[in-house]
Amino acid sequence: MDALGQVHAADCYMNKVQVLNALTGAYIRDYGAFGTGQGQLNVPLDILINRNGQVVVANQGNNRVEILSTGP
């Protein structure tokens, strides 16, 4: 969960992170995109939102960890 109480969930099939309402599970938005470039996702399996609000993603298909912007 982020500071606003929204759930961020790694979507390994769509290669993005979905943001959901914590109470209803309703979709709010998503961020990230499929690819092999810097900041792109290929089978994201897990995420962590650190104390600074950065989203750290375990990017399995690209064999690295990404730090993503959550967008607006």
C-alpha atoms as a PDB file:
ATOM      1  CA  MET A   1       0.000   0.000   0.000  1.00  0.00           C
ATOM      2  CA  ASP A   2       1.105   3.530  -0.696  1.00  0.00           C
ATOM      3  CA  ALA A   3       0.766   6.624   1.493  1.00  0.00           C
ATOM      4  CA  LEU A   4      -2.743   7.208   0.077  1.00  0.00           C
ATOM      5  CA  GLY A   5      -3.878   3.725   1.117  1.00  0.00           C
ATOM      6  CA  GLN A   6      -4.014   2.401  -2.442  1.00  0.00           C
ATOM      7  CA  VAL A   7      -2.874  -1.131  -3.254  1.00  0.00           C
ATOM      8  CA  HIS A   8      -0.167  -1.524  -5.912  1.00  0.00           C
ATOM      9  CA  ALA A   9      -0.200  -5.008  -7.452  1.00  0.00           C
ATOM     10  CA  ALA A  10       2.338  -6.480  -9.877  1.00  0.00           C
ATOM     11  CA  ASP A  11       0.537  -7.841 -12.962  1.00  0.00           C
ATOM     12  CA  CYS A  12       2.886 -10.403 -14.486  1.00  0.00           C
ATOM     13  CA  TYR A  13       0.562 -11.122 -17.444  1.00  0.00           C
ATOM     14  CA  MET A  14       0.070  -7.511 -18.539  1.00  0.00           C
ATOM     15  CA  ASN A  15       3.612  -6.448 -17.504  1.00  0.00           C
ATOM     16  CA  LYS A  16       2.565  -3.448 -15.450  1.00  0.00           C
ATOM     17  CA  VAL A  17       1.627  -2.434 -11.924  1.00  0.00           C
ATOM     18  CA  GLN A  18      -2.056  -1.913 -11.213  1.00  0.00           C
ATOM     19  CA  VAL A  19      -3.294   0.501  -8.560  1.00  0.00           C
ATOM     20  CA  LEU A  20      -6.465  -0.603  -6.781  1.00  0.00           C
ATOM     21  CA  ASN A  21      -8.811   0.800  -4.171  1.00  0.00           C
ATOM     22  CA  ALA A  22      -7.904  -0.922  -0.895  1.00  0.00           C
ATOM     23  CA  LEU A  23     -11.510  -1.152   0.283  1.00  0.00           C
ATOM     24  CA  THR A  24     -13.325  -2.217  -2.879  1.00  0.00           C
ATOM     25  CA  GLY A  25     -10.577  -3.628  -5.088  1.00  0.00           C
ATOM     26  CA  ALA A  26     -11.727  -1.305  -7.869  1.00  0.00           C
ATOM     27  CA  TYR A  27      -9.193  -0.451 -10.562  1.00  0.00           C
ATOM     28  CA  ILE A  28      -7.805   3.100 -10.323  1.00  0.00           C
ATOM     29  CA  ARG A  29      -4.942   3.181 -12.840  1.00  0.00           C
ATOM     30  CA  ASP A  30      -1.764   1.416 -13.881  1.00  0.00           C
ATOM     31  CA  TYR A  31       1.833   2.242 -14.739  1.00  0.00           C
ATOM     32  CA  GLY A  32       4.771   0.492 -16.352  1.00  0.00           C
ATOM     33  CA  ALA A  33       5.012  -1.046 -19.789  1.00  0.00           C
ATOM     34  CA  PHE A  34       6.287  -4.235 -21.395  1.00  0.00           C
ATOM     35  CA  GLY A  35       9.810  -4.226 -22.760  1.00  0.00           C
ATOM     36  CA  THR A  36      13.459  -4.908 -22.105  1.00  0.00           C
ATOM     37  CA  GLY A  37      14.640  -1.301 -21.820  1.00  0.00           C
ATOM     38  CA  GLN A  38      15.416   0.627 -18.673  1.00  0.00           C
ATOM     39  CA  GLY A  39      12.245   1.058 -16.621  1.00  0.00           C
ATOM     40  CA  GLN A  40      10.265  -1.460 -18.690  1.00  0.00           C
ATOM     41  CA  LEU A  41       8.791  -4.661 -17.284  1.00  0.00           C
ATOM     42  CA  ASN A  42       8.938  -8.287 -18.337  1.00  0.00           C
ATOM     43  CA  VAL A  43       7.193 -10.587 -15.827  1.00  0.00           C
ATOM     44  CA  PRO A  44       7.100  -8.321 -12.758  1.00  0.00           C
ATOM     45  CA  LEU A  45       6.674 -10.610  -9.770  1.00  0.00           C
ATOM     46  CA  ASP A  46       6.814  -8.461  -6.664  1.00  0.00           C
ATOM     47  CA  ILE A  47       6.892  -4.832  -5.623  1.00  0.00           C
ATOM     48  CA  LEU A  48       7.954  -2.769  -2.649  1.00  0.00           C
ATOM     49  CA  ILE A  49       7.069   0.831  -1.939  1.00  0.00           C
ATOM     50  CA  ASN A  50       9.910   2.269   0.096  1.00  0.00           C
ATOM     51  CA  ARG A  51       9.812   5.086   2.650  1.00  0.00           C
ATOM     52  CA  ASN A  52      10.485   7.646  -0.087  1.00  0.00           C
ATOM     53  CA  GLY A  53       7.443   6.481  -2.062  1.00  0.00           C
ATOM     54  CA  GLN A  54       9.551   4.869  -4.800  1.00  0.00           C
ATOM     55  CA  VAL A  55       8.187   1.665  -6.283  1.00  0.00           C
ATOM     56  CA  VAL A  56      10.817  -1.078  -6.535  1.00  0.00           C
ATOM     57  CA  VAL A  57       9.806  -3.939  -8.860  1.00  0.00           C
ATOM     58  CA  ALA A  58      11.317  -7.435  -9.084  1.00  0.00           C
ATOM     59  CA  ASN A  59      11.531  -7.671 -12.873  1.00  0.00           C
ATOM     60  CA  GLN A  60      12.132 -11.393 -13.417  1.00  0.00           C
ATOM     61  CA  GLY A  61      12.033 -11.544 -17.210  1.00  0.00           C
ATOM     62  CA  ASN A  62      14.678  -8.831 -17.457  1.00  0.00           C
ATOM     63  CA  ASN A  63      16.747 -10.270 -14.576  1.00  0.00           C
ATOM     64  CA  ARG A  64      16.893  -7.016 -12.650  1.00  0.00           C
ATOM     65  CA  VAL A  65      15.166  -4.721 -10.200  1.00  0.00           C
ATOM     66  CA  GLU A  66      13.448  -1.565 -11.510  1.00  0.00           C
ATOM     67  CA  ILE A  67      12.589   1.647  -9.693  1.00  0.00           C
ATOM     68  CA  LEU A  68       9.471   3.120 -11.281  1.00  0.00           C
ATOM     69  CA  SER A  69       7.596   6.376 -11.149  1.00  0.00           C
ATOM     70  CA  THR A  70       3.974   5.903 -10.163  1.00  0.00           C
ATOM     71  CA  GLY A  71       2.876   8.645 -12.527  1.00  0.00           C
ATOM     72  CA  PRO A  72       0.578  11.543 -11.677  1.00  0.00           C
END
